[in-house]
């Protein structure tokens, strides 16, 4: 039952992420990428087997096998992916804010800009 719930959560996150990626506004695109990264994190985490009550590190008195412990590699990969995803989201937000300032629109390709932009004069 837990596998079905996790697979459903991954499916919903992927569907919502793809839907938002196909939108025309930059905020929705960034939100869609974030949802997709959450789905990938859940998928990587589920590859380490869904086990409740077992430690991810070795303990004295227990054999160092996967029968007694949870695989720590997917947990480390997810932690790394969270940090990389946060950095990616920060960069995308800065690029999106700059694009909005330059184009006076948050449309992804700036197609709905009402008027042509005047040329900026460089300050010396």
N, C-alpha and C. Protein backbone atom coordinates (compact mmCIF):
# COMPACT_ATOMS: atom_id res chain seq x y z
N UNK A 1 0.82 -1.20 0.00
CA UNK A 1 0.00 0.00 0.00
C UNK A 1 0.86 1.26 0.00
N UNK A 2 1.98 1.21 0.73
CA UNK A 2 2.85 2.38 0.80
C UNK A 2 3.50 2.65 -0.56
N UNK A 3 3.82 1.58 -1.31
CA UNK A 3 4.41 1.76 -2.63
C UNK A 3 3.43 2.44 -3.58
N UNK A 4 2.15 2.06 -3.47
CA UNK A 4 1.14 2.68 -4.32
C UNK A 4 0.99 4.17 -4.00
N UNK A 5 1.01 4.50 -2.71
CA UNK A 5 0.89 5.90 -2.31
C UNK A 5 2.07 6.72 -2.82
N UNK A 6 3.27 6.17 -2.70
CA UNK A 6 4.45 6.88 -3.17
C UNK A 6 4.45 7.02 -4.69
N UNK A 7 4.09 5.95 -5.39
CA UNK A 7 4.01 6.01 -6.85
C UNK A 7 2.95 7.01 -7.31
N UNK A 8 1.84 7.07 -6.60
CA UNK A 8 0.79 8.05 -6.92
C UNK A 8 1.27 9.48 -6.68
N UNK A 9 2.00 9.68 -5.60
CA UNK A 9 2.53 11.02 -5.31
C UNK A 9 3.52 11.45 -6.38
N UNK A 10 4.38 10.53 -6.80
CA UNK A 10 5.34 10.85 -7.88
C UNK A 10 4.58 11.17 -9.17
N UNK A 11 3.56 10.39 -9.48
CA UNK A 11 2.77 10.63 -10.69
C UNK A 11 2.06 11.97 -10.67
N UNK A 12 1.48 12.32 -9.54
CA UNK A 12 0.78 13.61 -9.43
C UNK A 12 1.77 14.77 -9.55
N UNK A 13 2.93 14.64 -8.91
CA UNK A 13 3.94 15.70 -9.01
C UNK A 13 4.46 15.85 -10.44
N UNK A 14 4.66 14.75 -11.13
CA UNK A 14 5.13 14.82 -12.52
C UNK A 14 4.05 15.45 -13.40
N UNK A 15 2.81 15.04 -13.22
CA UNK A 15 1.73 15.59 -14.04
C UNK A 15 1.56 17.09 -13.81
N UNK A 16 1.58 17.50 -12.55
CA UNK A 16 1.45 18.93 -12.25
C UNK A 16 2.66 19.70 -12.76
N UNK A 17 3.85 19.11 -12.63
CA UNK A 17 5.06 19.77 -13.11
C UNK A 17 5.07 19.96 -14.61
N UNK A 18 4.67 18.94 -15.35
CA UNK A 18 4.62 19.05 -16.81
C UNK A 18 3.56 20.05 -17.23
N UNK A 19 2.41 20.04 -16.57
CA UNK A 19 1.37 21.02 -16.88
C UNK A 19 1.88 22.44 -16.69
N UNK A 20 2.56 22.68 -15.58
CA UNK A 20 3.07 24.02 -15.32
C UNK A 20 4.21 24.39 -16.24
N UNK A 21 5.01 23.42 -16.67
CA UNK A 21 6.09 23.71 -17.62
C UNK A 21 5.54 24.17 -18.97
N UNK A 22 4.36 23.72 -19.33
CA UNK A 22 3.77 24.08 -20.61
C UNK A 22 3.04 25.41 -20.57
N UNK A 23 3.03 26.07 -19.44
CA UNK A 23 2.39 27.38 -19.32
C UNK A 23 3.27 28.45 -19.96
N UNK A 24 2.74 29.63 -20.17
CA UNK A 24 3.48 30.66 -20.88
C UNK A 24 4.14 31.68 -19.95
N UNK A 25 3.90 31.59 -18.67
CA UNK A 25 4.46 32.56 -17.72
C UNK A 25 5.67 31.97 -17.02
N UNK A 26 6.63 32.80 -16.73
CA UNK A 26 7.89 32.31 -16.17
C UNK A 26 7.73 31.75 -14.76
N UNK A 27 6.84 32.31 -13.96
CA UNK A 27 6.67 31.79 -12.60
C UNK A 27 6.13 30.37 -12.61
N UNK A 28 5.17 30.10 -13.50
CA UNK A 28 4.64 28.75 -13.60
C UNK A 28 5.68 27.76 -14.09
N UNK A 29 6.55 28.19 -14.99
CA UNK A 29 7.61 27.32 -15.49
C UNK A 29 8.58 26.97 -14.36
N UNK A 30 8.94 27.95 -13.55
CA UNK A 30 9.84 27.70 -12.42
C UNK A 30 9.17 26.78 -11.41
N UNK A 31 7.90 27.00 -11.14
CA UNK A 31 7.17 26.13 -10.22
C UNK A 31 7.07 24.71 -10.77
N UNK A 32 6.87 24.57 -12.07
CA UNK A 32 6.82 23.25 -12.68
C UNK A 32 8.15 22.51 -12.58
N UNK A 33 9.25 23.22 -12.79
CA UNK A 33 10.56 22.60 -12.63
C UNK A 33 10.80 22.17 -11.19
N UNK A 34 10.34 22.97 -10.26
CA UNK A 34 10.49 22.62 -8.85
C UNK A 34 9.68 21.37 -8.51
N UNK A 35 8.45 21.28 -9.01
CA UNK A 35 7.64 20.09 -8.76
C UNK A 35 8.27 18.85 -9.39
N UNK A 36 8.84 19.01 -10.58
CA UNK A 36 9.52 17.87 -11.20
C UNK A 36 10.73 17.44 -10.39
N UNK A 37 11.45 18.38 -9.83
CA UNK A 37 12.61 18.00 -9.00
C UNK A 37 12.15 17.28 -7.73
N UNK A 38 11.02 17.68 -7.17
CA UNK A 38 10.48 16.96 -6.01
C UNK A 38 10.09 15.53 -6.39
N UNK A 39 9.51 15.38 -7.57
CA UNK A 39 9.13 14.04 -8.02
C UNK A 39 10.36 13.16 -8.22
N UNK A 40 11.41 13.72 -8.79
CA UNK A 40 12.64 12.95 -8.97
C UNK A 40 13.25 12.59 -7.62
N UNK A 41 13.20 13.51 -6.67
CA UNK A 41 13.72 13.21 -5.33
C UNK A 41 12.96 12.05 -4.69
N UNK A 42 11.65 12.06 -4.81
CA UNK A 42 10.86 10.95 -4.27
C UNK A 42 11.16 9.64 -4.98
N UNK A 43 11.37 9.71 -6.29
CA UNK A 43 11.69 8.51 -7.05
C UNK A 43 13.04 7.94 -6.62
N UNK A 44 14.04 8.80 -6.48
CA UNK A 44 15.36 8.34 -6.02
C UNK A 44 15.26 7.77 -4.61
N UNK A 45 14.51 8.43 -3.75
CA UNK A 45 14.37 7.96 -2.38
C UNK A 45 13.69 6.60 -2.32
N UNK A 46 12.73 6.37 -3.22
CA UNK A 46 12.03 5.09 -3.22
C UNK A 46 12.90 3.95 -3.74
N UNK A 47 13.96 4.26 -4.46
CA UNK A 47 14.84 3.21 -4.96
C UNK A 47 15.62 2.54 -3.83
N UNK A 48 15.69 3.17 -2.67
CA UNK A 48 16.38 2.58 -1.53
C UNK A 48 15.49 1.66 -0.72
N UNK A 49 14.41 1.19 -1.27
CA UNK A 49 13.43 0.32 -0.63
C UNK A 49 12.69 1.08 0.46
N UNK A 50 11.41 0.93 0.51
CA UNK A 50 10.59 1.57 1.53
C UNK A 50 10.58 0.68 2.77
N UNK A 51 11.35 1.06 3.76
CA UNK A 51 11.48 0.28 4.98
C UNK A 51 11.25 1.21 6.17
N UNK A 52 10.46 0.76 7.11
CA UNK A 52 10.17 1.56 8.29
C UNK A 52 10.85 0.92 9.50
N UNK A 53 11.52 1.75 10.30
CA UNK A 53 12.07 1.27 11.56
C UNK A 53 13.48 0.71 11.49
N UNK A 54 14.14 0.81 10.35
CA UNK A 54 15.51 0.32 10.25
C UNK A 54 16.45 1.50 10.11
N UNK A 55 17.61 1.45 10.79
CA UNK A 55 18.53 2.59 10.74
C UNK A 55 19.30 2.66 9.43
N UNK A 56 19.66 3.87 8.97
CA UNK A 56 20.44 4.00 7.74
C UNK A 56 21.94 3.84 7.98
N UNK A 57 22.37 3.75 9.22
CA UNK A 57 23.79 3.59 9.53
C UNK A 57 23.99 2.29 10.30
N UNK A 58 25.22 1.81 10.29
CA UNK A 58 25.52 0.55 10.96
C UNK A 58 25.44 0.71 12.47
N UNK A 59 24.95 -0.33 13.13
CA UNK A 59 24.87 -0.35 14.59
C UNK A 59 25.59 -1.59 15.10
N UNK A 60 26.14 -1.46 16.28
CA UNK A 60 26.83 -2.60 16.89
C UNK A 60 25.83 -3.70 17.20
N UNK A 61 26.23 -4.93 16.93
CA UNK A 61 25.38 -6.07 17.24
C UNK A 61 24.51 -6.53 16.09
N UNK A 62 24.42 -5.75 15.01
CA UNK A 62 23.62 -6.13 13.84
C UNK A 62 24.55 -6.40 12.68
N UNK A 63 24.23 -7.42 11.90
CA UNK A 63 25.03 -7.71 10.70
C UNK A 63 24.90 -6.56 9.71
N UNK A 64 26.00 -6.17 9.05
CA UNK A 64 25.94 -5.05 8.09
C UNK A 64 25.38 -5.49 6.74
N UNK A 65 24.12 -5.87 6.73
CA UNK A 65 23.44 -6.27 5.49
C UNK A 65 22.21 -5.40 5.29
N UNK A 66 21.67 -5.45 4.09
CA UNK A 66 20.46 -4.68 3.82
C UNK A 66 19.23 -5.26 4.50
N UNK A 67 19.35 -6.45 5.06
CA UNK A 67 18.22 -7.01 5.81
C UNK A 67 18.05 -6.28 7.14
N UNK A 68 19.14 -5.70 7.66
CA UNK A 68 19.09 -5.02 8.96
C UNK A 68 19.18 -3.51 8.85
N UNK A 69 19.54 -3.00 7.69
CA UNK A 69 19.74 -1.56 7.53
C UNK A 69 19.12 -1.08 6.23
N UNK A 70 18.87 0.21 6.17
CA UNK A 70 18.38 0.84 4.95
C UNK A 70 19.59 1.32 4.16
N UNK A 71 19.51 1.24 2.85
CA UNK A 71 20.59 1.71 1.99
C UNK A 71 20.74 3.22 2.13
N UNK A 72 21.89 3.73 2.58
CA UNK A 72 22.05 5.17 2.78
C UNK A 72 22.33 5.94 1.50
N UNK A 73 22.69 5.27 0.41
CA UNK A 73 23.04 5.97 -0.82
C UNK A 73 21.88 6.79 -1.40
N UNK A 74 20.66 6.25 -1.52
CA UNK A 74 19.57 7.10 -2.04
C UNK A 74 19.29 8.31 -1.15
N UNK A 75 19.45 8.16 0.15
CA UNK A 75 19.24 9.30 1.04
C UNK A 75 20.29 10.38 0.80
N UNK A 76 21.54 9.97 0.58
CA UNK A 76 22.59 10.94 0.29
C UNK A 76 22.36 11.60 -1.06
N UNK A 77 21.91 10.83 -2.05
CA UNK A 77 21.63 11.40 -3.37
C UNK A 77 20.49 12.41 -3.31
N UNK A 78 19.45 12.11 -2.54
CA UNK A 78 18.32 13.03 -2.42
C UNK A 78 18.75 14.31 -1.71
N UNK A 79 19.56 14.19 -0.68
CA UNK A 79 20.04 15.38 0.01
C UNK A 79 20.85 16.26 -0.93
N UNK A 80 21.70 15.65 -1.73
CA UNK A 80 22.48 16.41 -2.71
C UNK A 80 21.57 17.04 -3.76
N UNK A 81 20.56 16.30 -4.21
CA UNK A 81 19.64 16.82 -5.22
C UNK A 81 18.82 17.99 -4.67
N UNK A 82 18.49 17.96 -3.39
CA UNK A 82 17.74 19.07 -2.79
C UNK A 82 18.57 20.34 -2.83
N UNK A 83 19.85 20.22 -2.48
CA UNK A 83 20.73 21.40 -2.48
C UNK A 83 20.92 21.93 -3.90
N UNK A 84 21.14 21.03 -4.85
CA UNK A 84 21.31 21.46 -6.24
C UNK A 84 20.02 22.08 -6.77
N UNK A 85 18.88 21.49 -6.43
CA UNK A 85 17.59 22.04 -6.86
C UNK A 85 17.33 23.42 -6.29
N UNK A 86 17.73 23.64 -5.05
CA UNK A 86 17.56 24.97 -4.46
C UNK A 86 18.41 25.99 -5.20
N UNK A 87 19.64 25.64 -5.51
CA UNK A 87 20.50 26.55 -6.26
C UNK A 87 19.96 26.83 -7.65
N UNK A 88 19.45 25.79 -8.32
CA UNK A 88 18.88 25.95 -9.65
C UNK A 88 17.66 26.87 -9.60
N UNK A 89 16.83 26.70 -8.59
CA UNK A 89 15.64 27.54 -8.46
C UNK A 89 16.02 29.00 -8.22
N UNK A 90 17.04 29.22 -7.41
CA UNK A 90 17.50 30.59 -7.15
C UNK A 90 18.01 31.25 -8.44
N UNK A 91 18.78 30.52 -9.23
CA UNK A 91 19.29 31.06 -10.49
C UNK A 91 18.14 31.35 -11.45
N UNK A 92 17.19 30.42 -11.54
CA UNK A 92 16.04 30.65 -12.44
C UNK A 92 15.22 31.86 -12.01
N UNK A 93 15.06 32.05 -10.71
CA UNK A 93 14.32 33.23 -10.24
C UNK A 93 15.03 34.53 -10.61
N UNK A 94 16.35 34.56 -10.48
CA UNK A 94 17.10 35.76 -10.84
C UNK A 94 17.01 36.03 -12.34
N UNK A 95 17.15 34.99 -13.15
CA UNK A 95 17.04 35.16 -14.59
C UNK A 95 15.63 35.60 -14.97
N UNK A 96 14.63 35.04 -14.32
CA UNK A 96 13.25 35.42 -14.60
C UNK A 96 12.97 36.87 -14.21
N UNK A 97 13.48 37.28 -13.07
CA UNK A 97 13.29 38.67 -12.66
C UNK A 97 13.97 39.64 -13.62
N UNK A 98 15.16 39.26 -14.10
CA UNK A 98 15.85 40.12 -15.06
C UNK A 98 15.09 40.18 -16.38
N UNK A 99 14.57 39.05 -16.82
CA UNK A 99 13.80 39.03 -18.06
C UNK A 99 12.54 39.88 -17.93
N UNK A 100 11.91 39.80 -16.76
CA UNK A 100 10.70 40.61 -16.52
C UNK A 100 11.03 42.10 -16.55
N UNK A 101 12.17 42.46 -15.97
CA UNK A 101 12.56 43.87 -15.96
C UNK A 101 12.91 44.36 -17.37
N UNK A 102 13.58 43.53 -18.16
CA UNK A 102 13.98 43.94 -19.50
C UNK A 102 12.82 43.97 -20.48
N UNK A 103 11.91 43.01 -20.38
CA UNK A 103 10.84 42.88 -21.37
C UNK A 103 9.51 43.45 -20.92
N UNK A 104 9.40 43.87 -19.69
CA UNK A 104 8.15 44.38 -19.11
C UNK A 104 7.03 43.35 -19.21
N UNK A 105 7.39 42.09 -19.16
CA UNK A 105 6.42 41.01 -19.24
C UNK A 105 7.03 39.77 -18.62
N UNK A 106 6.18 38.96 -18.01
CA UNK A 106 6.69 37.70 -17.48
C UNK A 106 6.35 36.53 -18.40
N UNK A 107 5.94 36.85 -19.63
CA UNK A 107 5.71 35.82 -20.63
C UNK A 107 7.05 35.20 -20.99
N UNK A 108 7.08 33.89 -21.20
CA UNK A 108 8.35 33.20 -21.41
C UNK A 108 9.09 33.73 -22.63
N UNK A 109 8.38 33.95 -23.73
CA UNK A 109 9.05 34.47 -24.92
C UNK A 109 8.77 35.95 -25.16
N UNK A 110 8.19 36.62 -24.17
CA UNK A 110 7.89 38.06 -24.22
C UNK A 110 7.00 38.40 -25.41
N UNK A 111 6.11 37.49 -25.80
CA UNK A 111 5.26 37.71 -26.96
C UNK A 111 4.12 38.67 -26.68
N UNK A 112 3.76 38.83 -25.42
CA UNK A 112 2.62 39.71 -25.13
C UNK A 112 3.05 41.10 -24.67
N UNK A 113 4.26 41.49 -24.97
CA UNK A 113 4.70 42.85 -24.63
C UNK A 113 3.87 43.83 -25.45
N UNK A 114 3.32 44.83 -24.79
CA UNK A 114 2.37 45.74 -25.44
C UNK A 114 3.04 46.65 -26.47
N UNK A 115 4.23 47.10 -26.18
CA UNK A 115 4.90 48.05 -27.07
C UNK A 115 6.38 47.71 -27.14
N UNK A 116 7.03 48.14 -28.20
CA UNK A 116 8.47 47.87 -28.26
C UNK A 116 9.21 48.62 -27.17
N UNK A 117 10.24 48.02 -26.67
CA UNK A 117 11.00 48.62 -25.58
C UNK A 117 11.96 49.66 -26.11
N UNK A 118 12.07 50.79 -25.39
CA UNK A 118 13.08 51.77 -25.80
C UNK A 118 14.47 51.24 -25.48
N UNK A 119 15.43 51.69 -26.24
CA UNK A 119 16.81 51.26 -26.00
C UNK A 119 17.32 51.92 -24.73
N UNK A 120 18.02 51.14 -23.94
CA UNK A 120 18.59 51.65 -22.70
C UNK A 120 19.87 52.40 -23.00
N UNK A 121 20.05 53.48 -22.30
CA UNK A 121 21.29 54.22 -22.43
C UNK A 121 22.24 53.74 -21.35
N UNK A 122 23.44 53.41 -21.74
CA UNK A 122 24.45 52.94 -20.80
C UNK A 122 24.94 54.11 -19.97
N UNK A 123 25.01 53.90 -18.67
CA UNK A 123 25.53 54.94 -17.78
C UNK A 123 27.04 54.82 -17.71
N UNK A 124 27.71 55.94 -17.76
CA UNK A 124 29.17 55.93 -17.72
C UNK A 124 29.67 55.98 -16.30
